[in-house]
Amino acid sequence: MMPIGVVFPKSTDDVAAAVSFCADRGLPVLPRGGGTSLAGQTVNEAVVLDFTRHMQETVSIDPDAATARAQSGIYIGTLNEALAPHGLKFAPDPAWRDKSALGGAIGNNSTGAHSLQYGKTDAYVESVEAVLADGTVTEFGEVSLDDLPDLAEGDDLESAIYAEIARIVDEEADLIDERYPDLKRNVSGYNLDWLIEDARGAVREIGEPDAEGGTINVAKLLCGSEGTLAIVTEATVSLEPIPETKGMTLLAYDSLVDAMRDVAPIVEHGPAAVEVIDDVLLDLARNTAEFESVTQILPEGTGAVLIVEFYADDNDEARQKVATLLD
């Protein structure tokens, strides 16, 4: 797809100016980070905003609160390099994290190999600076349900957004309960199920909200919206401690079906990650000079491999977790 044009903004003001210009002329706008989406979300006949050239700064790090503020064009790998001296990391880990931007992770509600441990990006987004469709710049974060009526007062776009959020919470909760699938990695459609659970104070295995209820975090509604609701220019995210050590085991199977049968009992042992390498990838590797020697360490006839990883406080604990799994 040939873009109408490509803009490399240097600031939120640049983003607001570009969006206002396009809004006045009816031009579509497409924000993107590293462009690593698998389904073509980062290309279109639109004015493309590429954040990774200039808007890639770490704004602040608060080790005590385990939070960081960063611009949306920063690569997740770069952000984690800045966090490492504090023993912290941004937990979602897309496969190509040295080319996956924070804004893109929010747009896609990204996760990664360690989703069993950490879940999706929405569990870690605390607040965002965002540019609305008319060029308005605002901050979205946690708000009280009691404050929604006041926030909805007014005739501007931001007020209209809060009014619609209040209507959804009041009128559409039952329909959302009925229709949204109960999946750990559901990233289909807008994050309305989180909005409703947030208001009720539902408890999740990973991340907020807690059981108190009565508040919603509008920033989390942007997770998975792929730039269609607002354009994120900065985000405050919560962080996780870097694990002390890891233990790993490689399990070889005759077929992919055999490997899949073992996934459920493996997950019961609390691994941080379970990854599959199927026969298609193994055959490709066997026929590639770079990887042929690696595949030769596998038992003859291997048709699938599971890589199982555990986090641990020390090497002895890591070895014990692997040994318990194998037993």
Protein backbone atom coordinates (compact mmCIF):
# COMPACT_ATOMS: atom_id res chain seq x y z
CA MET A 1 0.00 0.00 0.00
CA MET A 2 1.41 3.39 -0.97
CA PRO A 3 0.95 5.91 1.86
CA ILE A 4 -0.34 9.41 1.16
CA GLY A 5 2.68 10.61 3.07
CA VAL A 6 4.93 9.71 5.99
CA VAL A 7 5.44 12.00 8.98
CA PHE A 8 8.28 11.62 11.50
CA PRO A 9 6.99 13.64 14.49
CA LYS A 10 9.48 15.00 17.01
CA SER A 11 6.92 15.83 19.71
CA THR A 12 3.31 15.47 20.77
CA ASP A 13 2.71 18.93 19.31
CA ASP A 14 3.87 17.64 15.93
CA VAL A 15 1.43 14.73 16.20
CA ALA A 16 -1.43 17.05 17.13
CA ALA A 17 -0.60 19.37 14.21
CA ALA A 18 -0.51 16.48 11.73
CA VAL A 19 -3.79 15.02 13.01
CA SER A 20 -5.52 18.42 12.92
CA PHE A 21 -4.29 18.97 9.36
CA CYS A 22 -5.61 15.58 8.27
CA ALA A 23 -8.89 15.98 10.16
CA ASP A 24 -9.63 19.24 8.34
CA ARG A 25 -9.07 17.53 4.98
CA GLY A 26 -10.66 14.14 5.69
CA LEU A 27 -7.37 12.27 5.34
CA PRO A 28 -6.91 8.94 7.15
CA VAL A 29 -4.10 8.76 9.70
CA LEU A 30 -2.18 5.63 10.66
CA PRO A 31 0.17 5.66 13.69
CA ARG A 32 2.86 3.00 13.76
CA GLY A 33 5.83 1.90 15.80
CA GLY A 34 8.23 -0.69 14.48
CA GLY A 35 5.87 -1.95 11.78
CA THR A 36 6.11 -5.54 13.03
CA SER A 37 2.39 -6.40 12.82
CA LEU A 38 1.65 -9.70 11.10
CA ALA A 39 -1.62 -8.75 9.38
CA GLY A 40 -0.71 -5.49 7.64
CA GLN A 41 -2.06 -3.10 10.28
CA THR A 42 0.93 -0.79 9.83
CA VAL A 43 0.39 -0.10 6.12
CA ASN A 44 -2.44 1.71 4.37
CA GLU A 45 -3.27 4.48 1.93
CA ALA A 46 -3.05 7.01 4.73
CA VAL A 47 -0.79 9.59 6.34
CA VAL A 48 1.54 7.31 8.30
CA LEU A 49 3.01 8.62 11.56
CA ASP A 50 6.30 6.84 12.27
CA PHE A 51 7.26 7.36 15.92
CA THR A 52 10.49 5.37 16.01
CA ARG A 53 12.77 7.95 14.38
CA HIS A 54 12.47 10.75 16.95
CA MET A 55 9.95 9.94 19.71
CA GLN A 56 11.93 7.19 21.42
CA GLU A 57 12.92 8.62 24.76
CA THR A 58 12.64 7.21 28.27
CA VAL A 59 10.97 10.14 30.07
CA SER A 60 11.35 8.91 33.65
CA ILE A 61 11.92 5.81 35.78
CA ASP A 62 10.60 5.39 39.32
CA PRO A 63 12.23 2.24 40.76
CA ASP A 64 10.38 2.54 44.07
CA ALA A 65 6.97 2.63 42.39
CA ALA A 66 8.15 0.16 39.70
CA THR A 67 6.89 2.41 36.90
CA ALA A 68 8.39 4.12 33.87
CA ARG A 69 7.24 6.84 31.49
CA ALA A 70 8.38 6.64 27.86
CA GLN A 71 7.53 7.93 24.41
CA SER A 72 5.58 5.59 22.19
CA GLY A 73 8.35 5.15 19.60
CA ILE A 74 10.84 3.58 22.00
CA TYR A 75 11.69 -0.02 21.23
CA ILE A 76 10.84 -2.40 24.06
CA GLY A 77 14.38 -3.75 24.00
CA THR A 78 15.76 -0.23 24.39
CA LEU A 79 13.36 0.52 27.25
CA ASN A 80 14.43 -2.66 29.02
CA GLU A 81 18.10 -1.73 28.63
CA ALA A 82 17.37 1.48 30.54
CA LEU A 83 15.43 -0.45 33.20
CA ALA A 84 17.94 -3.28 33.69
CA PRO A 85 20.24 -1.40 36.12
CA HIS A 86 17.21 -1.08 38.42
CA GLY A 87 16.47 -4.83 38.22
CA LEU A 88 13.19 -4.12 36.41
CA LYS A 89 11.66 -4.74 32.99
CA PHE A 90 8.57 -4.09 30.90
CA ALA A 91 7.17 -7.60 31.04
CA PRO A 92 5.41 -8.25 27.67
CA ASP A 93 8.06 -9.53 25.29
CA PRO A 94 7.08 -9.66 21.60
CA ALA A 95 9.44 -11.88 19.63
CA TRP A 96 11.09 -8.99 17.79
CA ARG A 97 11.33 -6.67 20.79
CA ASP A 98 14.38 -4.85 19.46
CA LYS A 99 12.07 -3.62 16.67
CA SER A 100 8.72 -3.60 18.53
CA ALA A 101 7.80 -0.17 19.85
CA LEU A 102 5.94 0.60 23.08
CA GLY A 103 3.15 2.36 21.21
CA GLY A 104 2.77 -0.62 18.92
CA ALA A 105 2.63 -2.96 21.92
CA ILE A 106 -0.22 -0.85 23.31
CA GLY A 107 -1.95 -0.72 19.93
CA ASN A 108 -1.75 -4.48 19.48
CA ASN A 109 -2.12 -5.33 23.19
CA SER A 110 1.00 -7.37 22.66
CA THR A 111 2.27 -10.25 24.70
CA GLY A 112 5.04 -12.73 24.03
CA ALA A 113 6.63 -16.02 24.95
CA HIS A 114 6.11 -15.34 28.67
CA SER A 115 2.38 -14.60 28.52
CA LEU A 116 1.77 -17.45 30.99
CA GLN A 117 3.70 -15.42 33.53
CA TYR A 118 2.86 -11.87 32.57
CA GLY A 119 -0.28 -11.69 30.43
CA LYS A 120 -0.82 -8.88 27.92
CA THR A 121 0.23 -5.25 27.71
CA ASP A 122 -3.08 -4.00 29.13
CA ALA A 123 -2.08 -5.31 32.57
CA TYR A 124 0.84 -2.85 32.63
CA VAL A 125 -0.50 0.38 31.11
CA GLU A 126 -1.24 2.89 33.88
CA SER A 127 -1.84 6.07 31.87
CA VAL A 128 -1.20 7.51 28.42
CA GLU A 129 -0.83 10.87 26.74
CA ALA A 130 -2.99 10.68 23.63
CA VAL A 131 -3.99 12.77 20.63
CA LEU A 132 -7.67 12.55 19.70
CA ALA A 133 -9.13 12.59 16.19
CA ASP A 134 -9.48 16.38 16.16
CA GLY A 135 -5.94 17.03 17.39
CA THR A 136 -6.85 17.46 21.06
CA VAL A 137 -4.08 16.34 23.43
CA THR A 138 -5.20 14.70 26.67
CA GLU A 139 -4.14 12.24 29.37
CA PHE A 140 -6.11 9.04 29.93
CA GLY A 141 -5.78 6.99 33.08
CA GLU A 142 -7.77 5.84 36.08
CA VAL A 143 -10.96 7.78 36.86
CA SER A 144 -13.72 7.25 39.39
CA LEU A 145 -17.14 6.21 38.09
CA ASP A 146 -18.53 8.99 40.25
CA ASP A 147 -16.51 11.51 38.24
CA LEU A 148 -17.72 10.31 34.83
CA PRO A 149 -20.82 12.57 34.70
CA ASP A 150 -18.68 15.66 35.31
CA LEU A 151 -16.09 14.55 32.74
CA ALA A 152 -18.90 13.98 30.23
CA GLU A 153 -20.15 17.56 30.59
CA GLY A 154 -19.20 19.72 27.66
CA ASP A 155 -19.45 19.84 23.89
CA ASP A 156 -15.91 18.83 22.97
CA LEU A 157 -14.67 15.45 21.75
CA GLU A 158 -13.10 14.43 25.06
CA SER A 159 -16.39 14.99 26.90
CA ALA A 160 -18.20 12.94 24.27
CA ILE A 161 -15.74 10.09 24.83
CA TYR A 162 -16.39 10.03 28.57
CA ALA A 163 -20.14 10.21 27.94
CA GLU A 164 -19.97 7.17 25.67
CA ILE A 165 -17.82 5.27 28.16
CA ALA A 166 -20.40 5.99 30.89
CA ARG A 167 -23.18 4.78 28.58
CA ILE A 168 -21.34 1.55 27.80
CA VAL A 169 -20.75 0.83 31.48
CA ASP A 170 -24.40 1.58 32.34
CA GLU A 171 -26.19 0.03 29.36
CA GLU A 172 -23.99 -2.54 27.64
CA ALA A 173 -22.39 -4.51 30.48
CA ASP A 174 -24.72 -7.50 30.16
CA LEU A 175 -24.21 -7.71 26.40
CA ILE A 176 -20.43 -7.54 26.80
CA ASP A 177 -20.63 -10.32 29.42
CA GLU A 178 -22.65 -12.43 27.03
CA ARG A 179 -20.65 -11.92 23.85
CA TYR A 180 -16.98 -11.51 24.77
CA PRO A 181 -15.03 -14.79 24.72
CA ASP A 182 -13.30 -15.87 27.92
CA LEU A 183 -9.76 -16.28 26.59
CA LYS A 184 -6.40 -15.52 28.17
CA ARG A 185 -5.08 -13.90 24.98
CA ASN A 186 -8.22 -12.42 23.45
CA VAL A 187 -7.19 -9.34 21.46
CA SER A 188 -10.20 -9.29 19.12
CA GLY A 189 -12.09 -6.01 19.13
CA TYR A 190 -11.97 -3.20 21.66
CA ASN A 191 -11.02 -3.84 25.28
CA LEU A 192 -14.58 -3.32 26.56
CA ASP A 193 -14.56 -6.45 28.71
CA TRP A 194 -11.66 -4.99 30.74
CA LEU A 195 -13.64 -1.74 31.06
CA ILE A 196 -16.61 -3.54 32.60
CA GLU A 197 -14.48 -5.74 34.87
CA ASP A 198 -12.54 -2.66 35.96
CA ALA A 199 -15.77 -0.93 37.00
CA ARG A 200 -16.91 -3.98 38.98
CA GLY A 201 -13.54 -4.67 40.56
CA ALA A 202 -13.15 -8.13 39.08
CA VAL A 203 -10.00 -9.99 40.10
CA ARG A 204 -7.63 -11.33 37.44
CA GLU A 205 -4.71 -13.70 37.69
CA ILE A 206 -2.42 -11.09 36.13
CA GLY A 207 -2.55 -7.34 36.64
CA GLU A 208 -5.11 -4.85 37.85
CA PRO A 209 -7.94 -4.21 38.64
CA ASP A 210 -8.25 -5.19 42.29
CA ALA A 211 -11.48 -6.16 44.03
CA GLU A 212 -12.55 -2.66 45.05
CA GLY A 213 -14.22 -1.52 41.82
CA GLY A 214 -15.77 1.88 41.27
CA THR A 215 -13.04 3.09 38.91
CA ILE A 216 -12.08 2.56 35.29
CA ASN A 217 -8.76 3.03 33.53
CA VAL A 218 -9.45 4.58 30.13
CA ALA A 219 -5.84 4.00 29.06
CA LYS A 220 -6.45 0.25 29.08
CA LEU A 221 -9.31 0.75 26.62
CA LEU A 222 -6.71 1.87 24.07
CA CYS A 223 -4.83 -1.43 24.39
CA GLY A 224 -5.59 -3.47 21.28
CA SER A 225 -7.34 -0.60 19.47
CA GLU A 226 -4.55 -0.39 16.84
CA GLY A 227 -4.55 3.40 16.68
CA THR A 228 -8.23 3.70 15.80
CA LEU A 229 -9.46 5.34 19.02
CA ALA A 230 -6.59 7.73 19.77
CA ILE A 231 -2.88 8.09 19.08
CA VAL A 232 -0.65 7.31 22.06
CA THR A 233 2.40 9.59 22.29
CA GLU A 234 3.62 8.72 25.81
CA ALA A 235 2.74 6.01 28.31
CA THR A 236 3.32 5.28 31.96
CA VAL A 237 3.73 1.54 32.47
CA SER A 238 4.17 -0.67 35.50
CA LEU A 239 7.23 -2.90 35.66
CA GLU A 240 8.20 -6.35 36.88
CA PRO A 241 11.40 -7.55 38.58
CA ILE A 242 13.89 -9.35 36.37
CA PRO A 243 14.00 -13.01 37.48
CA GLU A 244 17.14 -14.13 39.28
CA THR A 245 17.68 -17.16 37.07
CA LYS A 246 15.94 -19.55 34.69
CA GLY A 247 15.71 -23.28 34.14
CA MET A 248 14.88 -24.78 30.76
CA THR A 249 14.16 -28.18 29.28
CA LEU A 250 13.74 -29.32 25.68
CA LEU A 251 11.13 -32.01 25.05
CA ALA A 252 11.14 -33.88 21.74
CA TYR A 253 8.09 -35.65 20.27
CA ASP A 254 7.27 -37.81 17.28
CA SER A 255 4.49 -35.45 16.17
CA LEU A 256 2.90 -32.09 16.86
CA VAL A 257 -0.25 -33.81 18.15
CA ASP A 258 1.82 -35.71 20.74
CA ALA A 259 3.44 -32.46 21.85
CA MET A 260 0.10 -30.67 22.17
CA ARG A 261 -1.27 -33.40 24.43
CA ASP A 262 1.46 -32.57 26.95
CA VAL A 263 0.87 -28.81 27.07
CA ALA A 264 -1.94 -28.85 29.66
CA PRO A 265 -0.09 -31.00 32.21
CA ILE A 266 3.08 -28.94 31.65
CA VAL A 267 1.20 -25.71 32.38
CA GLU A 268 0.05 -27.17 35.70
CA HIS A 269 3.71 -27.01 36.84
CA GLY A 270 3.76 -23.21 36.58
CA PRO A 271 6.24 -22.58 33.76
CA ALA A 272 7.08 -19.04 32.69
CA ALA A 273 6.96 -20.07 29.03
CA VAL A 274 6.04 -23.02 26.81
CA GLU A 275 6.99 -22.67 23.15
CA VAL A 276 6.49 -25.14 20.30
CA ILE A 277 8.70 -25.78 17.27
CA ASP A 278 6.63 -27.81 14.81
CA ASP A 279 7.58 -30.09 11.94
CA VAL A 280 7.41 -27.27 9.38
CA LEU A 281 10.05 -25.22 11.21
CA LEU A 282 12.18 -28.28 11.97
CA ASP A 283 12.18 -29.32 8.30
CA LEU A 284 13.12 -25.81 7.24
CA ALA A 285 15.96 -25.81 9.76
CA ARG A 286 17.21 -29.21 8.62
CA ASN A 287 17.48 -27.84 5.07
CA THR A 288 19.27 -24.64 6.08
CA ALA A 289 23.05 -24.70 6.36
CA GLU A 290 23.00 -22.34 9.33
CA PHE A 291 20.74 -24.58 11.46
CA GLU A 292 21.28 -28.10 10.14
CA SER A 293 23.86 -28.97 12.79
CA VAL A 294 21.51 -27.78 15.55
CA THR A 295 18.73 -30.11 14.44
CA GLN A 296 21.14 -33.05 14.49
CA ILE A 297 21.22 -32.97 18.30
CA LEU A 298 17.52 -33.94 18.34
CA PRO A 299 16.52 -37.62 18.47
CA GLU A 300 15.95 -39.18 15.06
CA GLY A 301 12.36 -38.83 13.91
CA THR A 302 11.60 -35.76 16.01
CA GLY A 303 8.49 -34.09 14.58
CA ALA A 304 7.96 -31.41 17.22
CA VAL A 305 9.74 -29.84 20.14
CA LEU A 306 8.46 -28.08 23.26
CA ILE A 307 10.75 -25.61 25.04
CA VAL A 308 9.71 -25.20 28.68
CA GLU A 309 11.18 -22.44 30.82
CA PHE A 310 10.90 -21.80 34.55
CA TYR A 311 11.82 -18.70 36.56
CA ALA A 312 13.56 -19.30 39.88
CA ASP A 313 15.31 -17.52 42.74
CA ASP A 314 18.49 -19.59 42.36
CA ASN A 315 19.98 -22.34 40.21
CA ASP A 316 19.07 -25.14 42.62
CA GLU A 317 15.41 -24.13 42.52
CA ALA A 318 15.55 -23.92 38.73
CA ARG A 319 17.00 -27.44 38.44
CA GLN A 320 14.40 -28.76 40.88
CA LYS A 321 11.52 -27.31 38.87
CA VAL A 322 12.83 -28.93 35.69
CA ALA A 323 13.39 -32.24 37.50
CA THR A 324 9.89 -32.21 38.96
CA LEU A 325 8.41 -31.61 35.51
CA LEU A 326 10.40 -34.47 33.98
CA ASP A 327 9.43 -36.82 36.80
